[in-house]
Amino acid sequence: MKYSPLAFEVNLSPEGFVVDLDSLYASLATLHDQRDARGVRYALVTVLVYVILAKLAGEDQLRGIAQWVAERKEGLAKALGLSKVQAPHASTYSRVLGWAVNVAEFADVVARFFASQPGAGRSVVINLDGKTLRGTIPAGQCQGVHLLAAYLPAEGWVLLQVEVSGPENEIVAAPRLLKCLDLRGKVVTGDAMLAQRHLSSQIVRAGGDYLWFVKDNQPELREDIAVLFEPEVCGAGCSPVPKDFRTAGSLEKGHGRIEERSITVSSMLKGYLDWPYVEQVFRLERSVVRLKDGKHAQQVVYGVTSQSAEEASPAQLLAVARSHWQIENGLHYRRDDTLREDRCRLKTGHAAVMMATINNLILGLLRRQGVTNVPQARRRFAAHPDQALALILSAPT
């Protein structure tokens, strides 16, 4: 029978060091180390802290992480109360991320850490969306590791992330993810792929609501909604049928463009549509003008929601619909563009999934600090690693 050492038993100096019991470090120290104790030179928590520190400071590849730590090993050893001044090789990080940690346990520890912070989990909207780790796609193939995440856009952290494995797709994996979440009082949003009857029923029966965008994968539903919002053609002596249309809009200028959104909402299809628990349908029009050259783009999408007119006004539905894109802009895009996730070529065990979960953690930590410019924050932490260390060793405020 293998013996798994406690996180504090490897290379800790007799004097120790001070760490807040509500800190991220303390949460990581509860992880079960799956390595054989024989020959272990670095505590699991120490390796994970090194990865997180280097990621906060702008390093995204294991060689860069290893070098960043090696060049600061004296200061890090002192700050973490280590008896030996040493730094892991890049291969050590690969093995630890690939085999030493159970991914589900790590994700659960991270989620519980964020959930324990002041004000956490109070926001209403949960975004669902998936992302393929392109660096895991084998040469000559088109399918790699795909992860489906449940994200709180107002708070910037991932509630849960599951791997879409083998022959599954997001439609199959979503019920498994939703079953693990407390949906009471929440509104779950998803793109057209997730606009499914069984998911809609599952969410409402669990005490939540849904808002789906509807496209050609649900052709009859889309057609019924589109026809409702089309101008009615009346013959001589006839008048159009009264409609209950309600509207709301927004206008914003920024990032070199002017963006206008307009939503029209109706409850007239309730009881008519073959869709579980539907209360309202909507038509959302988005118009963007690029200031540089005046180029104009327009998009129209349709959707359904289980929220009634009394529960959600057009302005509220517009806000919820718009917030769905936060999982793409605030999470997936940043993981790809800023944290270079798709350039990662980790092949050992489940190291790629571990790194994706660490990327979620990094972005959640920065969001809790009020960071809106992630590259700028990483440059600051590169110059002041003590500030990054404080994020890990201190209790959140």
Protein backbone atom coordinates (compact mmCIF):
# COMPACT_ATOMS: atom_id res chain seq x y z
CA MET A 1 0.00 0.00 0.00
CA LYS A 2 1.40 3.38 -1.02
CA TYR A 3 1.80 6.13 1.49
CA SER A 4 0.90 9.67 0.44
CA PRO A 5 2.80 12.28 2.42
CA LEU A 6 1.16 15.34 3.82
CA ALA A 7 1.93 18.50 1.91
CA PHE A 8 4.01 19.89 4.75
CA GLU A 9 6.28 16.87 5.21
CA VAL A 10 8.62 17.49 2.27
CA ASN A 11 11.40 20.06 2.53
CA LEU A 12 9.74 22.23 5.18
CA SER A 13 12.17 24.13 7.37
CA PRO A 14 11.90 23.66 11.15
CA GLU A 15 10.89 27.29 11.54
CA GLY A 16 7.98 26.86 9.10
CA PHE A 17 6.13 29.86 7.74
CA VAL A 18 2.85 31.68 8.24
CA VAL A 19 -0.07 30.95 5.93
CA ASP A 20 -3.71 31.95 6.31
CA LEU A 21 -6.02 28.98 6.81
CA ASP A 22 -8.52 30.50 4.36
CA SER A 23 -5.89 31.04 1.68
CA LEU A 24 -5.51 29.33 -1.67
CA TYR A 25 -2.34 27.69 -0.35
CA ALA A 26 -4.27 26.06 2.48
CA SER A 27 -6.87 24.79 0.01
CA LEU A 28 -4.20 23.33 -2.28
CA ALA A 29 -2.53 21.66 0.70
CA THR A 30 -5.61 19.47 1.16
CA LEU A 31 -5.09 17.74 -2.20
CA HIS A 32 -4.23 14.06 -2.16
CA ASP A 33 -0.79 13.37 -3.64
CA GLN A 34 -1.03 10.30 -5.90
CA ARG A 35 2.75 9.85 -6.15
CA ASP A 36 4.67 7.17 -4.33
CA ALA A 37 6.31 8.84 -1.32
CA ARG A 38 9.66 7.29 -2.13
CA GLY A 39 11.86 9.73 -4.00
CA VAL A 40 9.50 12.70 -3.72
CA ARG A 41 11.61 15.86 -3.49
CA TYR A 42 8.91 18.52 -3.79
CA ALA A 43 5.62 18.71 -1.95
CA LEU A 44 2.61 18.73 -4.24
CA VAL A 45 1.43 22.08 -2.91
CA THR A 46 4.87 23.60 -3.55
CA VAL A 47 4.90 22.52 -7.21
CA LEU A 48 1.38 23.83 -7.77
CA VAL A 49 2.20 27.14 -6.11
CA TYR A 50 5.26 27.50 -8.33
CA VAL A 51 3.15 26.93 -11.45
CA ILE A 52 0.51 29.43 -10.33
CA LEU A 53 3.11 32.07 -9.42
CA ALA A 54 4.89 31.73 -12.75
CA LYS A 55 1.58 31.84 -14.63
CA LEU A 56 0.59 35.00 -12.79
CA ALA A 57 3.95 36.48 -13.79
CA GLY A 58 3.45 35.75 -17.49
CA GLU A 59 4.99 32.30 -18.08
CA ASP A 60 2.84 29.84 -20.01
CA GLN A 61 5.16 27.00 -21.06
CA LEU A 62 6.73 24.50 -18.65
CA ARG A 63 10.28 25.43 -19.64
CA GLY A 64 9.52 29.07 -18.96
CA ILE A 65 7.86 28.20 -15.65
CA ALA A 66 10.85 26.11 -14.62
CA GLN A 67 13.32 28.87 -15.49
CA TRP A 68 11.25 31.56 -13.76
CA VAL A 69 11.20 29.52 -10.55
CA ALA A 70 14.89 28.57 -10.81
CA GLU A 71 15.96 32.22 -11.04
CA ARG A 72 13.95 33.08 -7.92
CA LYS A 73 14.44 29.90 -5.92
CA GLU A 74 16.19 31.57 -2.96
CA GLY A 75 13.40 34.08 -2.41
CA LEU A 76 10.69 31.51 -2.97
CA ALA A 77 12.29 29.03 -0.57
CA LYS A 78 12.41 31.70 2.12
CA ALA A 79 8.82 32.85 1.48
CA LEU A 80 7.48 29.27 1.57
CA GLY A 81 9.57 28.13 4.53
CA LEU A 82 11.54 25.50 2.60
CA SER A 83 14.68 23.97 4.11
CA LYS A 84 16.42 23.29 0.77
CA VAL A 85 16.89 25.86 -1.97
CA GLN A 86 16.04 23.93 -5.12
CA ALA A 87 13.90 24.26 -8.21
CA PRO A 88 12.03 21.54 -10.15
CA HIS A 89 12.95 20.64 -13.71
CA ALA A 90 10.35 21.16 -16.43
CA SER A 91 9.83 17.38 -16.61
CA THR A 92 8.91 17.37 -12.92
CA TYR A 93 6.11 19.84 -13.54
CA SER A 94 4.91 17.71 -16.44
CA ARG A 95 4.79 14.56 -14.32
CA VAL A 96 3.10 16.28 -11.38
CA LEU A 97 0.43 17.88 -13.56
CA GLY A 98 -0.03 14.68 -15.53
CA TRP A 99 -0.19 12.08 -12.79
CA ALA A 100 0.12 13.42 -9.23
CA VAL A 101 -3.27 15.12 -8.93
CA ASN A 102 -6.80 13.93 -9.56
CA VAL A 103 -8.24 16.55 -11.93
CA ALA A 104 -11.76 16.35 -10.51
CA GLU A 105 -10.44 16.78 -6.97
CA PHE A 106 -8.31 19.75 -8.00
CA ALA A 107 -11.23 21.44 -9.78
CA ASP A 108 -13.43 20.84 -6.73
CA VAL A 109 -10.84 22.37 -4.39
CA VAL A 110 -10.53 25.43 -6.63
CA ALA A 111 -14.32 25.83 -6.89
CA ARG A 112 -14.75 25.52 -3.12
CA PHE A 113 -12.01 28.11 -2.61
CA PHE A 114 -13.84 30.65 -4.78
CA ALA A 115 -17.22 29.73 -3.31
CA SER A 116 -15.91 30.48 0.20
CA GLN A 117 -14.99 34.05 -0.66
CA PRO A 118 -17.12 37.01 0.45
CA GLY A 119 -20.12 37.53 -1.82
CA ALA A 120 -19.34 34.51 -3.99
CA GLY A 121 -22.14 32.69 -5.78
CA ARG A 122 -24.72 35.44 -5.35
CA SER A 123 -24.94 36.32 -9.04
CA VAL A 124 -27.82 34.85 -11.00
CA VAL A 125 -26.53 33.97 -14.47
CA ILE A 126 -24.58 30.80 -15.30
CA ASN A 127 -23.03 30.51 -18.78
CA LEU A 128 -22.52 27.10 -20.38
CA ASP A 129 -20.04 26.72 -23.21
CA GLY A 130 -17.36 24.31 -24.40
CA LYS A 131 -13.79 24.68 -25.61
CA THR A 132 -11.40 22.30 -27.34
CA LEU A 133 -7.76 22.27 -26.20
CA ARG A 134 -6.23 22.51 -29.67
CA GLY A 135 -2.79 21.54 -28.45
CA THR A 136 -4.16 18.08 -27.64
CA ILE A 137 -5.33 17.33 -31.19
CA PRO A 138 -3.08 14.59 -32.61
CA ALA A 139 -1.40 15.21 -35.96
CA GLY A 140 -3.70 14.33 -38.82
CA GLN A 141 -6.80 14.29 -36.63
CA CYS A 142 -9.43 16.89 -35.83
CA GLN A 143 -10.53 15.95 -32.32
CA GLY A 144 -8.75 16.68 -29.05
CA VAL A 145 -9.70 17.17 -25.41
CA HIS A 146 -12.94 19.16 -25.15
CA LEU A 147 -14.09 20.78 -21.91
CA LEU A 148 -17.57 22.06 -21.04
CA ALA A 149 -17.63 24.79 -18.40
CA ALA A 150 -20.24 26.42 -16.19
CA TYR A 151 -19.13 30.01 -15.62
CA LEU A 152 -20.37 32.86 -13.44
CA PRO A 153 -19.86 35.88 -15.75
CA ALA A 154 -20.58 38.47 -13.07
CA GLU A 155 -17.91 36.98 -10.78
CA GLY A 156 -15.40 35.60 -13.25
CA TRP A 157 -14.87 32.07 -11.95
CA VAL A 158 -15.77 28.59 -13.13
CA LEU A 159 -18.28 26.66 -11.05
CA LEU A 160 -17.53 23.35 -12.70
CA GLN A 161 -15.77 22.03 -15.78
CA VAL A 162 -16.22 18.53 -17.20
CA GLU A 163 -14.44 16.72 -19.98
CA VAL A 164 -16.51 15.78 -23.01
CA SER A 165 -14.99 12.38 -23.67
CA GLY A 166 -15.02 9.85 -26.47
CA PRO A 167 -18.19 9.80 -28.57
CA GLU A 168 -19.91 12.39 -26.36
CA ASN A 169 -20.73 15.94 -27.36
CA GLU A 170 -21.78 18.93 -25.25
CA ILE A 171 -25.44 17.88 -25.43
CA VAL A 172 -24.60 14.59 -23.75
CA ALA A 173 -22.17 16.06 -21.21
CA ALA A 174 -24.35 19.02 -20.15
CA PRO A 175 -26.85 16.99 -18.05
CA ARG A 176 -23.94 15.49 -16.12
CA LEU A 177 -22.54 18.96 -15.42
CA LEU A 178 -25.90 20.52 -14.51
CA LYS A 179 -26.70 17.66 -12.12
CA CYS A 180 -23.74 18.75 -9.95
CA LEU A 181 -24.85 22.39 -9.65
CA ASP A 182 -27.35 24.12 -7.39
CA LEU A 183 -29.58 25.81 -9.97
CA ARG A 184 -32.14 27.27 -7.59
CA GLY A 185 -32.68 30.92 -8.48
CA LYS A 186 -30.17 30.75 -11.36
CA VAL A 187 -30.61 31.45 -15.07
CA VAL A 188 -28.61 29.13 -17.30
CA THR A 189 -27.61 30.44 -20.72
CA GLY A 190 -26.25 28.52 -23.68
CA ASP A 191 -25.69 28.76 -27.40
CA ALA A 192 -27.87 27.10 -30.03
CA MET A 193 -26.30 23.65 -29.58
CA LEU A 194 -27.55 23.49 -25.99
CA ALA A 195 -31.10 24.55 -26.89
CA GLN A 196 -32.50 21.10 -26.11
CA ARG A 197 -35.80 20.01 -24.60
CA HIS A 198 -34.30 17.65 -22.02
CA LEU A 199 -31.86 20.28 -20.78
CA SER A 200 -34.66 22.83 -20.49
CA SER A 201 -36.74 20.42 -18.41
CA GLN A 202 -33.79 19.46 -16.21
CA ILE A 203 -32.98 23.08 -15.36
CA VAL A 204 -36.54 24.13 -14.50
CA ARG A 205 -37.18 20.98 -12.44
CA ALA A 206 -34.00 21.79 -10.50
CA GLY A 207 -35.40 25.21 -9.58
CA GLY A 208 -33.66 27.30 -12.24
CA ASP A 209 -34.50 29.00 -15.51
CA TYR A 210 -32.98 28.85 -18.97
CA LEU A 211 -32.29 31.26 -21.81
CA TRP A 212 -31.28 29.64 -25.09
CA PHE A 213 -30.39 31.07 -28.46
CA VAL A 214 -32.20 29.22 -31.24
CA LYS A 215 -30.78 28.50 -34.67
CA ASP A 216 -31.19 25.94 -37.45
CA ASN A 217 -30.56 22.92 -35.22
CA GLN A 218 -34.13 23.54 -34.00
CA PRO A 219 -35.69 24.54 -37.35
CA GLU A 220 -39.37 24.37 -36.36
CA LEU A 221 -38.81 26.35 -33.17
CA ARG A 222 -36.77 28.97 -34.98
CA GLU A 223 -39.34 29.28 -37.75
CA ASP A 224 -42.22 29.74 -35.30
CA ILE A 225 -40.37 32.51 -33.47
CA ALA A 226 -39.22 34.24 -36.65
CA VAL A 227 -42.75 34.25 -38.11
CA LEU A 228 -44.12 35.86 -34.95
CA PHE A 229 -41.79 38.83 -35.32
CA GLU A 230 -42.21 39.30 -39.06
CA PRO A 231 -44.36 42.26 -40.19
CA GLU A 232 -47.91 41.10 -40.74
CA VAL A 233 -49.34 41.58 -44.21
CA CYS A 234 -53.02 42.56 -44.13
CA GLY A 235 -55.51 42.80 -46.94
CA ALA A 236 -57.87 45.67 -47.59
CA GLY A 237 -60.26 46.26 -44.73
CA CYS A 238 -58.21 44.12 -42.33
CA SER A 239 -56.06 45.17 -39.42
CA PRO A 240 -53.08 43.33 -37.91
CA VAL A 241 -53.54 41.07 -34.91
CA PRO A 242 -52.66 42.93 -31.69
CA LYS A 243 -49.23 41.91 -30.40
CA ASP A 244 -47.80 42.08 -26.92
CA PHE A 245 -44.33 43.10 -28.14
CA ARG A 246 -42.09 44.81 -25.61
CA THR A 247 -38.67 46.19 -26.43
CA ALA A 248 -35.44 47.37 -24.87
CA GLY A 249 -32.14 48.51 -26.29
CA SER A 250 -28.59 49.59 -25.55
CA LEU A 251 -26.00 51.74 -27.29
CA GLU A 252 -22.28 51.65 -26.54
CA LYS A 253 -19.14 53.18 -27.98
CA GLY A 254 -15.75 51.61 -27.36
CA HIS A 255 -12.93 49.55 -28.83
CA GLY A 256 -13.16 51.55 -32.04
CA ARG A 257 -16.80 50.80 -32.75
CA ILE A 258 -20.38 51.74 -32.00
CA GLU A 259 -22.56 48.83 -30.99
CA GLU A 260 -26.34 48.93 -30.76
CA ARG A 261 -28.50 46.10 -29.44
CA SER A 262 -32.28 45.87 -29.58
CA ILE A 263 -34.48 43.11 -28.17
CA THR A 264 -38.15 42.48 -28.83
CA VAL A 265 -39.93 40.10 -26.46
CA SER A 266 -43.29 38.33 -26.58
CA SER A 267 -45.29 35.86 -24.46
CA MET A 268 -47.75 35.04 -27.25
CA LEU A 269 -46.21 31.66 -28.09
CA LYS A 270 -46.54 30.31 -24.56
CA GLY A 271 -48.73 27.23 -24.77
CA TYR A 272 -48.31 27.04 -28.52
CA LEU A 273 -44.66 26.05 -28.89
CA ASP A 274 -43.68 22.42 -28.44
CA TRP A 275 -41.05 23.36 -25.91
CA PRO A 276 -40.98 22.63 -22.15
CA TYR A 277 -41.65 25.48 -19.72
CA VAL A 278 -41.27 28.23 -22.34
CA GLU A 279 -42.66 31.57 -21.17
CA GLN A 280 -41.21 34.14 -23.55
CA VAL A 281 -39.50 34.30 -26.92
CA PHE A 282 -37.31 37.08 -28.25
CA ARG A 283 -35.70 38.59 -31.32
CA LEU A 284 -32.29 40.14 -30.67
CA GLU A 285 -30.75 42.46 -33.24
CA ARG A 286 -27.12 43.56 -33.00
CA SER A 287 -25.70 46.33 -35.16
CA VAL A 288 -22.00 47.27 -35.18
CA VAL A 289 -20.35 50.19 -36.97
CA ARG A 290 -16.54 50.25 -37.12
CA LEU A 291 -15.37 53.83 -36.62
CA LYS A 292 -12.18 53.37 -38.62
CA ASP A 293 -13.87 52.83 -41.96
CA GLY A 294 -17.59 52.97 -41.27
CA LYS A 295 -18.03 49.27 -42.03
CA HIS A 296 -21.40 48.04 -40.82
CA ALA A 297 -22.38 44.55 -39.65
CA GLN A 298 -25.78 43.36 -38.52
CA GLN A 299 -26.93 40.15 -36.86
CA VAL A 300 -30.34 38.84 -35.84
CA VAL A 301 -30.81 35.89 -33.48
CA TYR A 302 -33.85 34.36 -31.83
CA GLY A 303 -34.26 32.77 -28.43
CA VAL A 304 -36.49 31.27 -25.76
CA THR A 305 -36.62 31.53 -22.00
CA SER A 306 -38.53 29.99 -19.13
CA GLN A 307 -38.69 33.35 -17.33
CA SER A 308 -42.11 34.96 -17.47
CA ALA A 309 -42.80 38.59 -18.29
CA GLU A 310 -43.32 39.25 -14.58
CA GLU A 311 -39.95 37.69 -13.73
CA ALA A 312 -37.85 39.26 -16.49
CA SER A 313 -38.42 42.48 -18.38
CA PRO A 314 -37.01 43.04 -21.90
CA ALA A 315 -34.12 45.02 -20.41
CA GLN A 316 -33.31 42.16 -18.04
CA LEU A 317 -33.46 39.58 -20.82
CA LEU A 318 -31.17 41.76 -22.94
CA ALA A 319 -28.67 41.88 -20.06
CA VAL A 320 -28.83 38.11 -19.55
CA ALA A 321 -28.46 37.41 -23.28
CA ARG A 322 -25.51 39.75 -23.54
CA SER A 323 -23.84 38.24 -20.47
CA HIS A 324 -23.67 34.87 -22.20
CA TRP A 325 -20.79 36.07 -24.37
CA GLN A 326 -18.72 36.70 -21.24
CA ILE A 327 -17.73 33.04 -21.13
CA GLU A 328 -16.19 33.49 -24.57
CA ASN A 329 -14.67 36.94 -24.05
CA GLY A 330 -13.81 36.77 -20.37
CA LEU A 331 -12.75 33.12 -20.11
CA HIS A 332 -12.09 31.17 -23.31
CA TYR A 333 -10.59 34.03 -25.32
CA ARG A 334 -8.28 34.98 -22.45
CA ARG A 335 -7.19 31.38 -21.97
CA ASP A 336 -6.29 31.21 -25.66
CA ASP A 337 -4.97 34.68 -26.43
CA THR A 338 -3.40 35.74 -23.12
CA LEU A 339 -2.52 32.47 -21.39
CA ARG A 340 -1.55 30.74 -24.67
CA GLU A 341 -3.56 27.64 -23.86
CA ASP A 342 -3.93 26.40 -27.42
CA ARG A 343 -0.16 26.58 -27.91
CA CYS A 344 0.34 24.26 -24.97
CA ARG A 345 1.53 20.80 -26.06
CA LEU A 346 1.31 18.91 -22.77
CA LYS A 347 0.96 15.20 -23.49
CA THR A 348 1.69 13.56 -20.12
CA GLY A 349 -1.41 12.04 -18.54
CA HIS A 350 -4.05 14.68 -17.90
CA ALA A 351 -1.56 17.58 -17.72
CA ALA A 352 -3.38 19.54 -20.45
CA VAL A 353 -6.66 19.45 -18.51
CA MET A 354 -4.84 20.39 -15.30
CA MET A 355 -3.28 23.39 -17.02
CA ALA A 356 -6.68 24.46 -18.37
CA THR A 357 -8.08 24.29 -14.83
CA ILE A 358 -5.11 26.30 -13.55
CA ASN A 359 -5.83 28.88 -16.25
CA ASN A 360 -9.40 29.12 -14.94
CA LEU A 361 -7.94 29.64 -11.47
CA ILE A 362 -5.56 32.37 -12.67
CA LEU A 363 -8.35 34.32 -14.35
CA GLY A 364 -10.61 33.91 -11.31
CA LEU A 365 -7.90 35.23 -8.99
CA LEU A 366 -7.31 38.24 -11.19
CA ARG A 367 -11.03 38.97 -11.52
CA ARG A 368 -11.35 38.93 -7.72
CA GLN A 369 -8.66 41.62 -7.68
CA GLY A 370 -10.70 43.79 -10.05
CA VAL A 371 -8.31 43.19 -12.96
CA THR A 372 -9.68 44.02 -16.41
CA ASN A 373 -6.36 44.07 -18.29
CA VAL A 374 -4.82 40.64 -17.74
CA PRO A 375 -1.54 41.19 -19.66
CA GLN A 376 -0.91 44.37 -17.69
CA ALA A 377 -1.54 42.59 -14.40
CA ARG A 378 0.85 39.78 -15.34
CA ARG A 379 3.60 42.28 -16.13
CA ARG A 380 3.07 43.81 -12.71
CA PHE A 381 3.32 40.43 -10.99
CA ALA A 382 6.47 39.64 -12.99
CA ALA A 383 8.06 42.76 -11.49
CA HIS A 384 6.59 42.16 -8.02
CA PRO A 385 6.32 38.41 -7.37
CA ASP A 386 5.71 39.15 -3.68
CA GLN A 387 2.30 40.53 -4.67
CA ALA A 388 1.48 37.33 -6.54
CA LEU A 389 2.61 35.30 -3.54
CA ALA A 390 0.32 37.34 -1.29
CA LEU A 391 -2.66 36.26 -3.44
CA ILE A 392 -1.84 32.65 -2.65
CA LEU A 393 -0.84 32.85 1.00
CA SER A 394 -3.39 35.37 2.26
CA ALA A 395 -7.12 35.00 2.83
CA PRO A 396 -9.31 36.73 0.24
CA THR A 397 -10.97 39.97 1.23
